Amino acid sequence: METQTHQRRNPAANAGHDVLSRGINIYPPLEAVTRPNITTGEAAYYLNRKPQTMREWAMTGRVIRPLRINGRLAWPVSEIKKVLGIAA
């Protein structure tokens, strides 16, 4: 009898990737964001970078310097808008 290995997949783990690969926008336009700070994933999306690049920027102080709130990175929307040339 053959043994089969079954990998359990967590559909929620790849939900964002699947949505993005289908071309569906899960984030609102940056002009519509009213919060003062956004997450690393959101900042990466708006700047067309990978989240790991954003984390590298956080360590080196390149381009935009994020805030740290309870140990998490928070990226100022106003700074992202400046980089992209969007009126704040």
C-alpha atoms as a PDB file:
ATOM      1  CA  MET A   1       0.000   0.000   0.000  1.00  0.00           C
ATOM      2  CA  GLU A   2       1.410   3.373  -0.977  1.00  0.00           C
ATOM      3  CA  THR A   3       1.490   6.142   1.498  1.00  0.00           C
ATOM      4  CA  GLN A   4       0.485   9.487   0.252  1.00  0.00           C
ATOM      5  CA  THR A   5       1.560  12.698   1.794  1.00  0.00           C
ATOM      6  CA  HIS A   6      -1.105  15.280   1.945  1.00  0.00           C
ATOM      7  CA  GLN A   7      -0.159  18.830   2.479  1.00  0.00           C
ATOM      8  CA  ARG A   8      -2.771  20.821   4.221  1.00  0.00           C
ATOM      9  CA  ARG A   9      -3.117  24.234   2.738  1.00  0.00           C
ATOM     10  CA  ASN A  10      -4.299  27.193   4.636  1.00  0.00           C
ATOM     11  CA  PRO A  11      -6.439  29.124   2.143  1.00  0.00           C
ATOM     12  CA  ALA A  12      -6.278  32.247   4.302  1.00  0.00           C
ATOM     13  CA  ALA A  13      -2.464  32.264   4.197  1.00  0.00           C
ATOM     14  CA  ASN A  14      -2.383  32.839   0.445  1.00  0.00           C
ATOM     15  CA  ALA A  15      -5.599  34.819   0.152  1.00  0.00           C
ATOM     16  CA  GLY A  16      -3.804  38.120  -0.486  1.00  0.00           C
ATOM     17  CA  HIS A  17      -1.449  36.577  -3.031  1.00  0.00           C
ATOM     18  CA  ASP A  18      -4.281  34.896  -4.918  1.00  0.00           C
ATOM     19  CA  VAL A  19      -6.268  38.115  -5.032  1.00  0.00           C
ATOM     20  CA  LEU A  20      -3.293  40.119  -6.281  1.00  0.00           C
ATOM     21  CA  SER A  21      -2.384  37.508  -8.891  1.00  0.00           C
ATOM     22  CA  ARG A  22      -5.897  37.800 -10.304  1.00  0.00           C
ATOM     23  CA  GLY A  23      -5.516  41.565 -10.671  1.00  0.00           C
ATOM     24  CA  ILE A  24      -8.103  42.420  -8.038  1.00  0.00           C
ATOM     25  CA  ASN A  25      -7.211  45.492  -6.007  1.00  0.00           C
ATOM     26  CA  ILE A  26      -7.594  44.836  -2.280  1.00  0.00           C
ATOM     27  CA  TYR A  27      -6.358  48.274  -1.205  1.00  0.00           C
ATOM     28  CA  PRO A  28      -8.200  51.547  -1.744  1.00  0.00           C
ATOM     29  CA  PRO A  29      -6.553  54.277  -3.829  1.00  0.00           C
ATOM     30  CA  LEU A  30      -3.908  56.091  -1.801  1.00  0.00           C
ATOM     31  CA  GLU A  31      -5.838  59.337  -2.194  1.00  0.00           C
ATOM     32  CA  ALA A  32      -8.724  57.734  -0.277  1.00  0.00           C
ATOM     33  CA  VAL A  33      -6.604  56.602   2.689  1.00  0.00           C
ATOM     34  CA  THR A  34      -7.417  58.762   5.709  1.00  0.00           C
ATOM     35  CA  ARG A  35      -5.329  56.987   8.356  1.00  0.00           C
ATOM     36  CA  PRO A  36      -2.032  58.677   9.281  1.00  0.00           C
ATOM     37  CA  ASN A  37      -0.038  55.415   8.974  1.00  0.00           C
ATOM     38  CA  ILE A  38      -0.321  52.162   7.039  1.00  0.00           C
ATOM     39  CA  THR A  39       1.127  48.668   7.385  1.00  0.00           C
ATOM     40  CA  THR A  40       4.248  47.378   5.664  1.00  0.00           C
ATOM     41  CA  GLY A  41       2.179  45.333   3.215  1.00  0.00           C
ATOM     42  CA  GLU A  42       0.082  48.341   2.259  1.00  0.00           C
ATOM     43  CA  ALA A  43       3.139  50.571   1.869  1.00  0.00           C
ATOM     44  CA  ALA A  44       4.807  47.941  -0.328  1.00  0.00           C
ATOM     45  CA  TYR A  45       1.699  47.763  -2.497  1.00  0.00           C
ATOM     46  CA  TYR A  46       1.461  51.536  -2.994  1.00  0.00           C
ATOM     47  CA  LEU A  47       5.197  51.886  -3.704  1.00  0.00           C
ATOM     48  CA  ASN A  48       5.265  48.795  -5.942  1.00  0.00           C
ATOM     49  CA  ARG A  49       7.903  47.102  -3.805  1.00  0.00           C
ATOM     50  CA  LYS A  50       8.035  43.862  -1.865  1.00  0.00           C
ATOM     51  CA  PRO A  51       7.390  43.972   1.893  1.00  0.00           C
ATOM     52  CA  GLN A  52      10.948  42.770   2.531  1.00  0.00           C
ATOM     53  CA  THR A  53      12.280  45.811   0.648  1.00  0.00           C
ATOM     54  CA  MET A  54      10.232  48.017   2.942  1.00  0.00           C
ATOM     55  CA  ARG A  55      11.743  46.281   5.974  1.00  0.00           C
ATOM     56  CA  GLU A  56      15.209  46.879   4.563  1.00  0.00           C
ATOM     57  CA  TRP A  57      14.368  50.567   4.105  1.00  0.00           C
ATOM     58  CA  ALA A  58      13.264  50.628   7.743  1.00  0.00           C
ATOM     59  CA  MET A  59      16.655  49.328   8.892  1.00  0.00           C
ATOM     60  CA  THR A  60      18.745  51.555   6.642  1.00  0.00           C
ATOM     61  CA  GLY A  61      16.606  54.706   6.752  1.00  0.00           C
ATOM     62  CA  ARG A  62      16.338  54.860   2.966  1.00  0.00           C
ATOM     63  CA  VAL A  63      13.585  56.725   1.151  1.00  0.00           C
ATOM     64  CA  ILE A  64      11.032  56.726   3.996  1.00  0.00           C
ATOM     65  CA  ARG A  65      11.614  56.212   7.699  1.00  0.00           C
ATOM     66  CA  PRO A  66       8.706  54.387   9.351  1.00  0.00           C
ATOM     67  CA  LEU A  67       7.467  54.769  12.902  1.00  0.00           C
ATOM     68  CA  ARG A  68       7.494  51.872  15.318  1.00  0.00           C
ATOM     69  CA  ILE A  69       4.231  51.353  17.144  1.00  0.00           C
ATOM     70  CA  ASN A  70       4.248  48.486  19.656  1.00  0.00           C
ATOM     71  CA  GLY A  71       7.189  46.972  17.791  1.00  0.00           C
ATOM     72  CA  ARG A  72       5.483  47.074  14.398  1.00  0.00           C
ATOM     73  CA  LEU A  73       6.373  49.278  11.468  1.00  0.00           C
ATOM     74  CA  ALA A  74       3.917  52.034  10.610  1.00  0.00           C
ATOM     75  CA  TRP A  75       4.547  53.933   7.373  1.00  0.00           C
ATOM     76  CA  PRO A  76       3.393  57.582   7.271  1.00  0.00           C
ATOM     77  CA  VAL A  77       0.880  58.084   4.471  1.00  0.00           C
ATOM     78  CA  SER A  78       2.028  61.688   4.015  1.00  0.00           C
ATOM     79  CA  GLU A  79       5.603  60.535   3.292  1.00  0.00           C
ATOM     80  CA  ILE A  80       4.422  57.905   0.821  1.00  0.00           C
ATOM     81  CA  LYS A  81       2.341  60.523  -0.954  1.00  0.00           C
ATOM     82  CA  LYS A  82       5.396  62.827  -1.152  1.00  0.00           C
ATOM     83  CA  VAL A  83       7.499  60.068  -2.704  1.00  0.00           C
ATOM     84  CA  LEU A  84       4.778  59.346  -5.255  1.00  0.00           C
ATOM     85  CA  GLY A  85       4.133  63.025  -5.968  1.00  0.00           C
ATOM     86  CA  ILE A  86       0.542  62.947  -4.749  1.00  0.00           C
ATOM     87  CA  ALA A  87      -0.810  66.101  -3.085  1.00  0.00           C
ATOM     88  CA  ALA A  88      -1.415  65.461   0.606  1.00  0.00           C
END
